[in-house]
Amino acid sequence: MEKMMILSQVCSCVTAVAAAVVLLVRPVRDWITGANRLREGQKCLLRSSMLRTYYRNREQRTIRQYEYENFLLEYRAYKALKGNSFIDKIREEVGRWTVIS
């Protein structure tokens, strides 16, 4: 009889833990998915800003110092978020431009 009581208590504990895990899985999954969406949104905004700077200055092949500094900061942030190599070519070209104050 005592073994049955212990077995019953163990089963109750396992059921409680399983129920808690089920209740926590969805919020954790949603949090992870949300974080990924935010990261993708940040990359998109950074890429957009860098391309706007690039196309605004492309014909003159000159860039103001503050724009260049911002471009480099955005580039570093973009790469830290594992942005693709497309922007590397843009950065190389911008790096050859004349920086004006």
PDB file of N, CA and C in Angstrom:
ATOM      1  N   MET A   1       0.808  -1.186   0.000  1.00  0.00           N
ATOM      2  CA  MET A   1       0.000   0.000   0.000  1.00  0.00           C
ATOM      3  C   MET A   1       0.867   1.273   0.000  1.00  0.00           C
ATOM      4  N   GLU A   2       1.922   1.237   0.783  1.00  0.00           N
ATOM      5  CA  GLU A   2       2.824   2.399   0.874  1.00  0.00           C
ATOM      6  C   GLU A   2       3.477   2.694  -0.476  1.00  0.00           C
ATOM      7  N   LYS A   3       3.833   1.642  -1.222  1.00  0.00           N
ATOM      8  CA  LYS A   3       4.434   1.825  -2.539  1.00  0.00           C
ATOM      9  C   LYS A   3       3.447   2.492  -3.494  1.00  0.00           C
ATOM     10  N   MET A   4       2.179   2.161  -3.375  1.00  0.00           N
ATOM     11  CA  MET A   4       1.152   2.764  -4.216  1.00  0.00           C
ATOM     12  C   MET A   4       0.999   4.252  -3.905  1.00  0.00           C
ATOM     13  N   MET A   5       1.107   4.631  -2.652  1.00  0.00           N
ATOM     14  CA  MET A   5       1.007   6.037  -2.255  1.00  0.00           C
ATOM     15  C   MET A   5       2.189   6.827  -2.833  1.00  0.00           C
ATOM     16  N   ILE A   6       3.368   6.250  -2.719  1.00  0.00           N
ATOM     17  CA  ILE A   6       4.566   6.921  -3.244  1.00  0.00           C
ATOM     18  C   ILE A   6       4.459   7.058  -4.759  1.00  0.00           C
ATOM     19  N   LEU A   7       4.028   5.996  -5.428  1.00  0.00           N
ATOM     20  CA  LEU A   7       3.860   6.025  -6.870  1.00  0.00           C
ATOM     21  C   LEU A   7       2.829   7.072  -7.272  1.00  0.00           C
ATOM     22  N   SER A   8       1.767   7.166  -6.522  1.00  0.00           N
ATOM     23  CA  SER A   8       0.718   8.158  -6.792  1.00  0.00           C
ATOM     24  C   SER A   8       1.254   9.582  -6.630  1.00  0.00           C
ATOM     25  N   GLN A   9       2.056   9.806  -5.606  1.00  0.00           N
ATOM     26  CA  GLN A   9       2.642  11.127  -5.378  1.00  0.00           C
ATOM     27  C   GLN A   9       3.640  11.488  -6.493  1.00  0.00           C
ATOM     28  N   VAL A  10       4.428  10.517  -6.913  1.00  0.00           N
ATOM     29  CA  VAL A  10       5.382  10.748  -7.996  1.00  0.00           C
ATOM     30  C   VAL A  10       4.630  11.105  -9.276  1.00  0.00           C
ATOM     31  N   CYS A  11       3.582  10.358  -9.575  1.00  0.00           N
ATOM     32  CA  CYS A  11       2.778  10.639 -10.772  1.00  0.00           C
ATOM     33  C   CYS A  11       2.161  12.035 -10.698  1.00  0.00           C
ATOM     34  N   SER A  12       1.704  12.431  -9.522  1.00  0.00           N
ATOM     35  CA  SER A  12       1.123  13.765  -9.349  1.00  0.00           C
ATOM     36  C   SER A  12       2.178  14.842  -9.597  1.00  0.00           C
ATOM     37  N   CYS A  13       3.374  14.624  -9.090  1.00  0.00           N
ATOM     38  CA  CYS A  13       4.458  15.602  -9.291  1.00  0.00           C
ATOM     39  C   CYS A  13       4.838  15.698 -10.767  1.00  0.00           C
ATOM     40  N   VAL A  14       4.955  14.555 -11.429  1.00  0.00           N
ATOM     41  CA  VAL A  14       5.305  14.539 -12.847  1.00  0.00           C
ATOM     42  C   VAL A  14       4.222  15.258 -13.663  1.00  0.00           C
ATOM     43  N   THR A  15       2.975  15.019 -13.337  1.00  0.00           N
ATOM     44  CA  THR A  15       1.864  15.687 -14.034  1.00  0.00           C
ATOM     45  C   THR A  15       1.914  17.194 -13.811  1.00  0.00           C
ATOM     46  N   ALA A  16       2.201  17.623 -12.587  1.00  0.00           N
ATOM     47  CA  ALA A  16       2.274  19.049 -12.288  1.00  0.00           C
ATOM     48  C   ALA A  16       3.416  19.707 -13.051  1.00  0.00           C
ATOM     49  N   VAL A  17       4.561  19.045 -13.090  1.00  0.00           N
ATOM     50  CA  VAL A  17       5.709  19.592 -13.819  1.00  0.00           C
ATOM     51  C   VAL A  17       5.399  19.658 -15.314  1.00  0.00           C
ATOM     52  N   ALA A  18       4.794  18.613 -15.861  1.00  0.00           N
ATOM     53  CA  ALA A  18       4.447  18.602 -17.281  1.00  0.00           C
ATOM     54  C   ALA A  18       3.462  19.729 -17.608  1.00  0.00           C
ATOM     55  N   ALA A  19       2.493  19.949 -16.739  1.00  0.00           N
ATOM     56  CA  ALA A  19       1.521  21.029 -16.960  1.00  0.00           C
ATOM     57  C   ALA A  19       2.212  22.384 -16.922  1.00  0.00           C
ATOM     58  N   ALA A  20       3.149  22.571 -16.013  1.00  0.00           N
ATOM     59  CA  ALA A  20       3.882  23.833 -15.925  1.00  0.00           C
ATOM     60  C   ALA A  20       4.715  24.059 -17.185  1.00  0.00           C
ATOM     61  N   VAL A  21       5.344  23.022 -17.673  1.00  0.00           N
ATOM     62  CA  VAL A  21       6.156  23.133 -18.891  1.00  0.00           C
ATOM     63  C   VAL A  21       5.267  23.518 -20.071  1.00  0.00           C
ATOM     64  N   VAL A  22       4.116  22.874 -20.190  1.00  0.00           N
ATOM     65  CA  VAL A  22       3.194  23.190 -21.281  1.00  0.00           C
ATOM     66  C   VAL A  22       2.753  24.643 -21.204  1.00  0.00           C
ATOM     67  N   LEU A  23       2.501  25.145 -20.008  1.00  0.00           N
ATOM     68  CA  LEU A  23       2.079  26.535 -19.841  1.00  0.00           C
ATOM     69  C   LEU A  23       3.200  27.520 -20.165  1.00  0.00           C
ATOM     70  N   LEU A  24       4.439  27.123 -19.984  1.00  0.00           N
ATOM     71  CA  LEU A  24       5.572  28.016 -20.234  1.00  0.00           C
ATOM     72  C   LEU A  24       6.087  27.973 -21.667  1.00  0.00           C
ATOM     73  N   VAL A  25       5.844  26.892 -22.381  1.00  0.00           N
ATOM     74  CA  VAL A  25       6.402  26.738 -23.727  1.00  0.00           C
ATOM     75  C   VAL A  25       5.903  27.825 -24.664  1.00  0.00           C
ATOM     76  N   ARG A  26       4.620  28.091 -24.682  1.00  0.00           N
ATOM     77  CA  ARG A  26       4.096  29.076 -25.623  1.00  0.00           C
ATOM     78  C   ARG A  26       4.635  30.482 -25.371  1.00  0.00           C
ATOM     79  N   PRO A  27       4.608  30.985 -24.127  1.00  0.00           N
ATOM     80  CA  PRO A  27       5.175  32.324 -23.926  1.00  0.00           C
ATOM     81  C   PRO A  27       6.651  32.415 -24.289  1.00  0.00           C
ATOM     82  N   VAL A  28       7.418  31.393 -23.998  1.00  0.00           N
ATOM     83  CA  VAL A  28       8.848  31.399 -24.338  1.00  0.00           C
ATOM     84  C   VAL A  28       9.014  31.368 -25.853  1.00  0.00           C
ATOM     85  N   ARG A  29       8.244  30.529 -26.529  1.00  0.00           N
ATOM     86  CA  ARG A  29       8.311  30.454 -27.987  1.00  0.00           C
ATOM     87  C   ARG A  29       7.920  31.796 -28.613  1.00  0.00           C
ATOM     88  N   ASP A  30       6.860  32.397 -28.101  1.00  0.00           N
ATOM     89  CA  ASP A  30       6.430  33.699 -28.614  1.00  0.00           C
ATOM     90  C   ASP A  30       7.485  34.772 -28.358  1.00  0.00           C
ATOM     91  N   TRP A  31       8.142  34.718 -27.206  1.00  0.00           N
ATOM     92  CA  TRP A  31       9.180  35.689 -26.887  1.00  0.00           C
ATOM     93  C   TRP A  31      10.355  35.551 -27.855  1.00  0.00           C
ATOM     94  N   ILE A  32      10.746  34.311 -28.133  1.00  0.00           N
ATOM     95  CA  ILE A  32      11.862  34.070 -29.049  1.00  0.00           C
ATOM     96  C   ILE A  32      11.491  34.532 -30.456  1.00  0.00           C
ATOM     97  N   THR A  33      10.299  34.199 -30.898  1.00  0.00           N
ATOM     98  CA  THR A  33       9.848  34.613 -32.223  1.00  0.00           C
ATOM     99  C   THR A  33       9.780  36.132 -32.316  1.00  0.00           C
ATOM    100  N   GLY A  34       9.274  36.772 -31.277  1.00  0.00           N
ATOM    101  CA  GLY A  34       9.203  38.230 -31.253  1.00  0.00           C
ATOM    102  C   GLY A  34      10.575  38.867 -31.306  1.00  0.00           C
ATOM    103  N   ALA A  35      11.519  38.291 -30.583  1.00  0.00           N
ATOM    104  CA  ALA A  35      12.890  38.822 -30.597  1.00  0.00           C
ATOM    105  C   ALA A  35      13.492  38.698 -31.995  1.00  0.00           C
ATOM    106  N   ASN A  36      13.230  37.583 -32.670  1.00  0.00           N
ATOM    107  CA  ASN A  36      13.735  37.409 -34.036  1.00  0.00           C
ATOM    108  C   ASN A  36      13.113  38.428 -34.983  1.00  0.00           C
ATOM    109  N   ARG A  37      11.837  38.690 -34.804  1.00  0.00           N
ATOM    110  CA  ARG A  37      11.170  39.680 -35.660  1.00  0.00           C
ATOM    111  C   ARG A  37      11.730  41.079 -35.413  1.00  0.00           C
ATOM    112  N   LEU A  38      12.002  41.401 -34.165  1.00  0.00           N
ATOM    113  CA  LEU A  38      12.601  42.699 -33.857  1.00  0.00           C
ATOM    114  C   LEU A  38      13.979  42.826 -34.485  1.00  0.00           C
ATOM    115  N   ARG A  39      14.765  41.770 -34.398  1.00  0.00           N
ATOM    116  CA  ARG A  39      16.107  41.768 -34.980  1.00  0.00           C
ATOM    117  C   ARG A  39      16.031  41.975 -36.494  1.00  0.00           C
ATOM    118  N   GLU A  40      15.104  41.280 -37.144  1.00  0.00           N
ATOM    119  CA  GLU A  40      14.948  41.442 -38.593  1.00  0.00           C
ATOM    120  C   GLU A  40      14.490  42.858 -38.926  1.00  0.00           C
ATOM    121  N   GLY A  41      13.618  43.429 -38.107  1.00  0.00           N
ATOM    122  CA  GLY A  41      13.177  44.797 -38.322  1.00  0.00           C
ATOM    123  C   GLY A  41      14.312  45.793 -38.164  1.00  0.00           C
ATOM    124  N   GLN A  42      15.159  45.573 -37.166  1.00  0.00           N
ATOM    125  CA  GLN A  42      16.310  46.455 -36.967  1.00  0.00           C
ATOM    126  C   GLN A  42      17.262  46.382 -38.156  1.00  0.00           C
ATOM    127  N   LYS A  43      17.508  45.171 -38.651  1.00  0.00           N
ATOM    128  CA  LYS A  43      18.375  45.027 -39.819  1.00  0.00           C
ATOM    129  C   LYS A  43      17.791  45.764 -41.016  1.00  0.00           C
ATOM    130  N   CYS A  44      16.496  45.647 -41.211  1.00  0.00           N
ATOM    131  CA  CYS A  44      15.844  46.311 -42.337  1.00  0.00           C
ATOM    132  C   CYS A  44      15.982  47.830 -42.237  1.00  0.00           C
ATOM    133  N   LEU A  45      15.781  48.379 -41.040  1.00  0.00           N
ATOM    134  CA  LEU A  45      15.912  49.824 -40.854  1.00  0.00           C
ATOM    135  C   LEU A  45      17.346  50.291 -41.073  1.00  0.00           C
ATOM    136  N   LEU A  46      18.307  49.538 -40.576  1.00  0.00           N
ATOM    137  CA  LEU A  46      19.714  49.895 -40.770  1.00  0.00           C
ATOM    138  C   LEU A  46      20.090  49.855 -42.248  1.00  0.00           C
ATOM    139  N   ARG A  47      19.696  48.788 -42.928  1.00  0.00           N
ATOM    140  CA  ARG A  47      19.997  48.651 -44.356  1.00  0.00           C
ATOM    141  C   ARG A  47      19.356  49.795 -45.145  1.00  0.00           C
ATOM    142  N   SER A  48      18.125  50.119 -44.815  1.00  0.00           N
ATOM    143  CA  SER A  48      17.415  51.205 -45.498  1.00  0.00           C
ATOM    144  C   SER A  48      18.127  52.543 -45.312  1.00  0.00           C
ATOM    145  N   SER A  49      18.568  52.812 -44.098  1.00  0.00           N
ATOM    146  CA  SER A  49      19.260  54.069 -43.820  1.00  0.00           C
ATOM    147  C   SER A  49      20.593  54.142 -44.562  1.00  0.00           C
ATOM    148  N   MET A  50      21.332  53.044 -44.575  1.00  0.00           N
ATOM    149  CA  MET A  50      22.611  53.033 -45.281  1.00  0.00           C
ATOM    150  C   MET A  50      22.413  53.216 -46.783  1.00  0.00           C
ATOM    151  N   LEU A  51      21.404  52.570 -47.339  1.00  0.00           N
ATOM    152  CA  LEU A  51      21.147  52.712 -48.769  1.00  0.00           C
ATOM    153  C   LEU A  51      20.662  54.112 -49.112  1.00  0.00           C
ATOM    154  N   ARG A  52      19.885  54.726 -48.238  1.00  0.00           N
ATOM    155  CA  ARG A  52      19.448  56.106 -48.458  1.00  0.00           C
ATOM    156  C   ARG A  52      20.661  57.040 -48.517  1.00  0.00           C
ATOM    157  N   THR A  53      21.585  56.864 -47.582  1.00  0.00           N
ATOM    158  CA  THR A  53      22.813  57.663 -47.586  1.00  0.00           C
ATOM    159  C   THR A  53      23.615  57.399 -48.852  1.00  0.00           C
ATOM    160  N   TYR A  54      23.722  56.148 -49.236  1.00  0.00           N
ATOM    161  CA  TYR A  54      24.485  55.769 -50.424  1.00  0.00           C
ATOM    162  C   TYR A  54      23.904  56.427 -51.679  1.00  0.00           C
ATOM    163  N   TYR A  55      22.616  56.261 -51.908  1.00  0.00           N
ATOM    164  CA  TYR A  55      22.015  56.793 -53.135  1.00  0.00           C
ATOM    165  C   TYR A  55      21.962  58.322 -53.145  1.00  0.00           C
ATOM    166  N   ARG A  56      21.876  58.940 -51.984  1.00  0.00           N
ATOM    167  CA  ARG A  56      21.861  60.403 -51.914  1.00  0.00           C
ATOM    168  C   ARG A  56      23.217  60.979 -52.333  1.00  0.00           C
ATOM    169  N   ASN A  57      24.305  60.269 -52.077  1.00  0.00           N
ATOM    170  CA  ASN A  57      25.660  60.789 -52.317  1.00  0.00           C
ATOM    171  C   ASN A  57      26.393  60.098 -53.462  1.00  0.00           C
ATOM    172  N   ARG A  58      25.766  59.164 -54.115  1.00  0.00           N
ATOM    173  CA  ARG A  58      26.446  58.318 -55.099  1.00  0.00           C
ATOM    174  C   ARG A  58      26.999  59.106 -56.289  1.00  0.00           C
ATOM    175  N   GLU A  59      26.250  60.028 -56.806  1.00  0.00           N
ATOM    176  CA  GLU A  59      26.710  60.755 -57.999  1.00  0.00           C
ATOM    177  C   GLU A  59      27.933  61.621 -57.715  1.00  0.00           C
ATOM    178  N   GLN A  60      27.926  62.319 -56.573  1.00  0.00           N
ATOM    179  CA  GLN A  60      29.055  63.206 -56.233  1.00  0.00           C
ATOM    180  C   GLN A  60      30.253  62.429 -55.700  1.00  0.00           C
ATOM    181  N   ARG A  61      29.998  61.220 -55.226  1.00  0.00           N
ATOM    182  CA  ARG A  61      31.048  60.384 -54.614  1.00  0.00           C
ATOM    183  C   ARG A  61      31.741  61.122 -53.466  1.00  0.00           C
ATOM    184  N   THR A  62      30.964  61.941 -52.766  1.00  0.00           N
ATOM    185  CA  THR A  62      31.442  62.606 -51.549  1.00  0.00           C
ATOM    186  C   THR A  62      30.407  62.356 -50.461  1.00  0.00           C
ATOM    187  N   ILE A  63      30.865  62.417 -49.227  1.00  0.00           N
ATOM    188  CA  ILE A  63      29.974  62.194 -48.098  1.00  0.00           C
ATOM    189  C   ILE A  63      30.435  63.077 -46.950  1.00  0.00           C
ATOM    190  N   ARG A  64      29.483  63.659 -46.263  1.00  0.00           N
ATOM    191  CA  ARG A  64      29.832  64.499 -45.116  1.00  0.00           C
ATOM    192  C   ARG A  64      30.365  63.614 -43.992  1.00  0.00           C
ATOM    193  N   GLN A  65      31.227  64.185 -43.188  1.00  0.00           N
ATOM    194  CA  GLN A  65      31.883  63.412 -42.135  1.00  0.00           C
ATOM    195  C   GLN A  65      30.877  62.759 -41.187  1.00  0.00           C
ATOM    196  N   TYR A  66      29.868  63.527 -40.747  1.00  0.00           N
ATOM    197  CA  TYR A  66      28.903  62.964 -39.806  1.00  0.00           C
ATOM    198  C   TYR A  66      28.084  61.845 -40.463  1.00  0.00           C
ATOM    199  N   GLU A  67      27.807  61.985 -41.774  1.00  0.00           N
ATOM    200  CA  GLU A  67      27.083  60.923 -42.485  1.00  0.00           C
ATOM    201  C   GLU A  67      27.941  59.659 -42.579  1.00  0.00           C
ATOM    202  N   TYR A  68      29.228  59.878 -42.824  1.00  0.00           N
ATOM    203  CA  TYR A  68      30.138  58.739 -42.934  1.00  0.00           C
ATOM    204  C   TYR A  68      30.271  58.013 -41.593  1.00  0.00           C
ATOM    205  N   GLU A  69      30.395  58.790 -40.524  1.00  0.00           N
ATOM    206  CA  GLU A  69      30.483  58.176 -39.193  1.00  0.00           C
ATOM    207  C   GLU A  69      29.209  57.405 -38.867  1.00  0.00           C
ATOM    208  N   ASN A  70      28.053  57.999 -39.158  1.00  0.00           N
ATOM    209  CA  ASN A  70      26.780  57.301 -38.933  1.00  0.00           C
ATOM    210  C   ASN A  70      26.684  56.043 -39.787  1.00  0.00           C
ATOM    211  N   PHE A  71      27.127  56.150 -41.040  1.00  0.00           N
ATOM    212  CA  PHE A  71      27.108  54.999 -41.941  1.00  0.00           C
ATOM    213  C   PHE A  71      27.926  53.849 -41.356  1.00  0.00           C
ATOM    214  N   LEU A  72      29.115  54.157 -40.854  1.00  0.00           N
ATOM    215  CA  LEU A  72      29.973  53.111 -40.280  1.00  0.00           C
ATOM    216  C   LEU A  72      29.361  52.502 -39.025  1.00  0.00           C
ATOM    217  N   LEU A  73      28.745  53.329 -38.190  1.00  0.00           N
ATOM    218  CA  LEU A  73      28.082  52.804 -36.991  1.00  0.00           C
ATOM    219  C   LEU A  73      26.914  51.894 -37.371  1.00  0.00           C
ATOM    220  N   GLU A  74      26.151  52.322 -38.360  1.00  0.00           N
ATOM    221  CA  GLU A  74      25.034  51.492 -38.826  1.00  0.00           C
ATOM    222  C   GLU A  74      25.546  50.197 -39.432  1.00  0.00           C
ATOM    223  N   TYR A  75      26.629  50.280 -40.177  1.00  0.00           N
ATOM    224  CA  TYR A  75      27.214  49.088 -40.797  1.00  0.00           C
ATOM    225  C   TYR A  75      27.646  48.076 -39.725  1.00  0.00           C
ATOM    226  N   ARG A  76      28.317  48.556 -38.702  1.00  0.00           N
ATOM    227  CA  ARG A  76      28.760  47.653 -37.622  1.00  0.00           C
ATOM    228  C   ARG A  76      27.565  46.998 -36.931  1.00  0.00           C
ATOM    229  N   ALA A  77      26.532  47.788 -36.666  1.00  0.00           N
ATOM    230  CA  ALA A  77      25.332  47.242 -36.027  1.00  0.00           C
ATOM    231  C   ALA A  77      24.661  46.218 -36.943  1.00  0.00           C
ATOM    232  N   TYR A  78      24.607  46.526 -38.226  1.00  0.00           N
ATOM    233  CA  TYR A  78      23.993  45.625 -39.208  1.00  0.00           C
ATOM    234  C   TYR A  78      24.740  44.289 -39.256  1.00  0.00           C
ATOM    235  N   LYS A  79      26.049  44.353 -39.280  1.00  0.00           N
ATOM    236  CA  LYS A  79      26.839  43.122 -39.319  1.00  0.00           C
ATOM    237  C   LYS A  79      26.744  42.355 -37.994  1.00  0.00           C
ATOM    238  N   ALA A  80      26.628  43.069 -36.875  1.00  0.00           N
ATOM    239  CA  ALA A  80      26.466  42.396 -35.578  1.00  0.00           C
ATOM    240  C   ALA A  80      25.147  41.631 -35.524  1.00  0.00           C
ATOM    241  N   LEU A  81      24.158  42.104 -36.273  1.00  0.00           N
ATOM    242  CA  LEU A  81      22.870  41.420 -36.358  1.00  0.00           C
ATOM    243  C   LEU A  81      22.870  40.351 -37.449  1.00  0.00           C
ATOM    244  N   LYS A  82      24.053  40.046 -37.964  1.00  0.00           N
ATOM    245  CA  LYS A  82      24.255  39.033 -39.002  1.00  0.00           C
ATOM    246  C   LYS A  82      23.592  39.424 -40.322  1.00  0.00           C
ATOM    247  N   GLY A  83      23.758  40.699 -40.680  1.00  0.00           N
ATOM    248  CA  GLY A  83      23.276  41.177 -41.975  1.00  0.00           C
ATOM    249  C   GLY A  83      24.064  40.549 -43.106  1.00  0.00           C
ATOM    250  N   ASN A  84      23.466  40.497 -44.291  1.00  0.00           N
ATOM    251  CA  ASN A  84      24.107  39.800 -45.413  1.00  0.00           C
ATOM    252  C   ASN A  84      25.242  40.617 -46.039  1.00  0.00           C
ATOM    253  N   SER A  85      25.896  40.026 -47.016  1.00  0.00           N
ATOM    254  CA  SER A  85      27.097  40.635 -47.597  1.00  0.00           C
ATOM    255  C   SER A  85      26.785  41.689 -48.654  1.00  0.00           C
ATOM    256  N   PHE A  86      25.537  41.857 -49.047  1.00  0.00           N
ATOM    257  CA  PHE A  86      25.179  42.877 -50.037  1.00  0.00           C
ATOM    258  C   PHE A  86      25.702  44.241 -49.610  1.00  0.00           C
ATOM    259  N   ILE A  87      25.537  44.570 -48.353  1.00  0.00           N
ATOM    260  CA  ILE A  87      25.908  45.898 -47.859  1.00  0.00           C
ATOM    261  C   ILE A  87      27.432  46.046 -47.784  1.00  0.00           C
ATOM    262  N   ASP A  88      28.174  44.933 -47.780  1.00  0.00           N
ATOM    263  CA  ASP A  88      29.646  45.008 -47.776  1.00  0.00           C
ATOM    264  C   ASP A  88      30.154  45.744 -49.017  1.00  0.00           C
ATOM    265  N   LYS A  89      29.562  45.461 -50.161  1.00  0.00           N
ATOM    266  CA  LYS A  89      29.971  46.114 -51.413  1.00  0.00           C
ATOM    267  C   LYS A  89      29.669  47.610 -51.356  1.00  0.00           C
ATOM    268  N   ILE A  90      28.532  47.941 -50.781  1.00  0.00           N
ATOM    269  CA  ILE A  90      28.160  49.347 -50.639  1.00  0.00           C
ATOM    270  C   ILE A  90      29.163  50.048 -49.718  1.00  0.00           C
ATOM    271  N   ARG A  91      29.519  49.405 -48.604  1.00  0.00           N
ATOM    272  CA  ARG A  91      30.469  49.995 -47.663  1.00  0.00           C
ATOM    273  C   ARG A  91      31.838  50.192 -48.304  1.00  0.00           C
ATOM    274  N   GLU A  92      32.277  49.237 -49.084  1.00  0.00           N
ATOM    275  CA  GLU A  92      33.558  49.375 -49.778  1.00  0.00           C
ATOM    276  C   GLU A  92      33.551  50.583 -50.707  1.00  0.00           C
ATOM    277  N   GLU A  93      32.468  50.761 -51.439  1.00  0.00           N
ATOM    278  CA  GLU A  93      32.389  51.901 -52.349  1.00  0.00           C
ATOM    279  C   GLU A  93      32.357  53.212 -51.583  1.00  0.00           C
ATOM    280  N   VAL A  94      31.545  53.279 -50.534  1.00  0.00           N
ATOM    281  CA  VAL A  94      31.461  54.504 -49.727  1.00  0.00           C
ATOM    282  C   VAL A  94      32.821  54.809 -49.105  1.00  0.00           C
ATOM    283  N   GLY A  95      33.576  53.785 -48.740  1.00  0.00           N
ATOM    284  CA  GLY A  95      34.903  53.976 -48.164  1.00  0.00           C
ATOM    285  C   GLY A  95      35.890  54.632 -49.124  1.00  0.00           C
ATOM    286  N   ARG A  96      35.621  54.573 -50.413  1.00  0.00           N
ATOM    287  CA  ARG A  96      36.498  55.207 -51.410  1.00  0.00           C
ATOM    288  C   ARG A  96      36.089  56.640 -51.736  1.00  0.00           C
ATOM    289  N   TRP A  97      34.985  57.080 -51.204  1.00  0.00           N
ATOM    290  CA  TRP A  97      34.512  58.436 -51.462  1.00  0.00           C
ATOM    291  C   TRP A  97      35.315  59.460 -50.681  1.00  0.00           C
ATOM    292  N   THR A  98      35.218  60.709 -51.107  1.00  0.00           N
ATOM    293  CA  THR A  98      35.847  61.820 -50.401  1.00  0.00           C
ATOM    294  C   THR A  98      34.957  62.218 -49.232  1.00  0.00           C
ATOM    295  N   VAL A  99      35.565  62.289 -48.060  1.00  0.00           N
ATOM    296  CA  VAL A  99      34.827  62.712 -46.864  1.00  0.00           C
ATOM    297  C   VAL A  99      35.047  64.213 -46.684  1.00  0.00           C
ATOM    298  N   ILE A 100      33.936  64.952 -46.612  1.00  0.00           N
ATOM    299  CA  ILE A 100      34.018  66.404 -46.435  1.00  0.00           C
ATOM    300  C   ILE A 100      33.454  66.795 -45.091  1.00  0.00           C
ATOM    301  N   SER A 101      33.935  67.919 -44.547  1.00  0.00           N
ATOM    302  CA  SER A 101      33.440  68.336 -43.230  1.00  0.00           C
ATOM    303  C   SER A 101      32.314  69.324 -43.326  1.00  0.00           C
TER     304      SER A 101
END
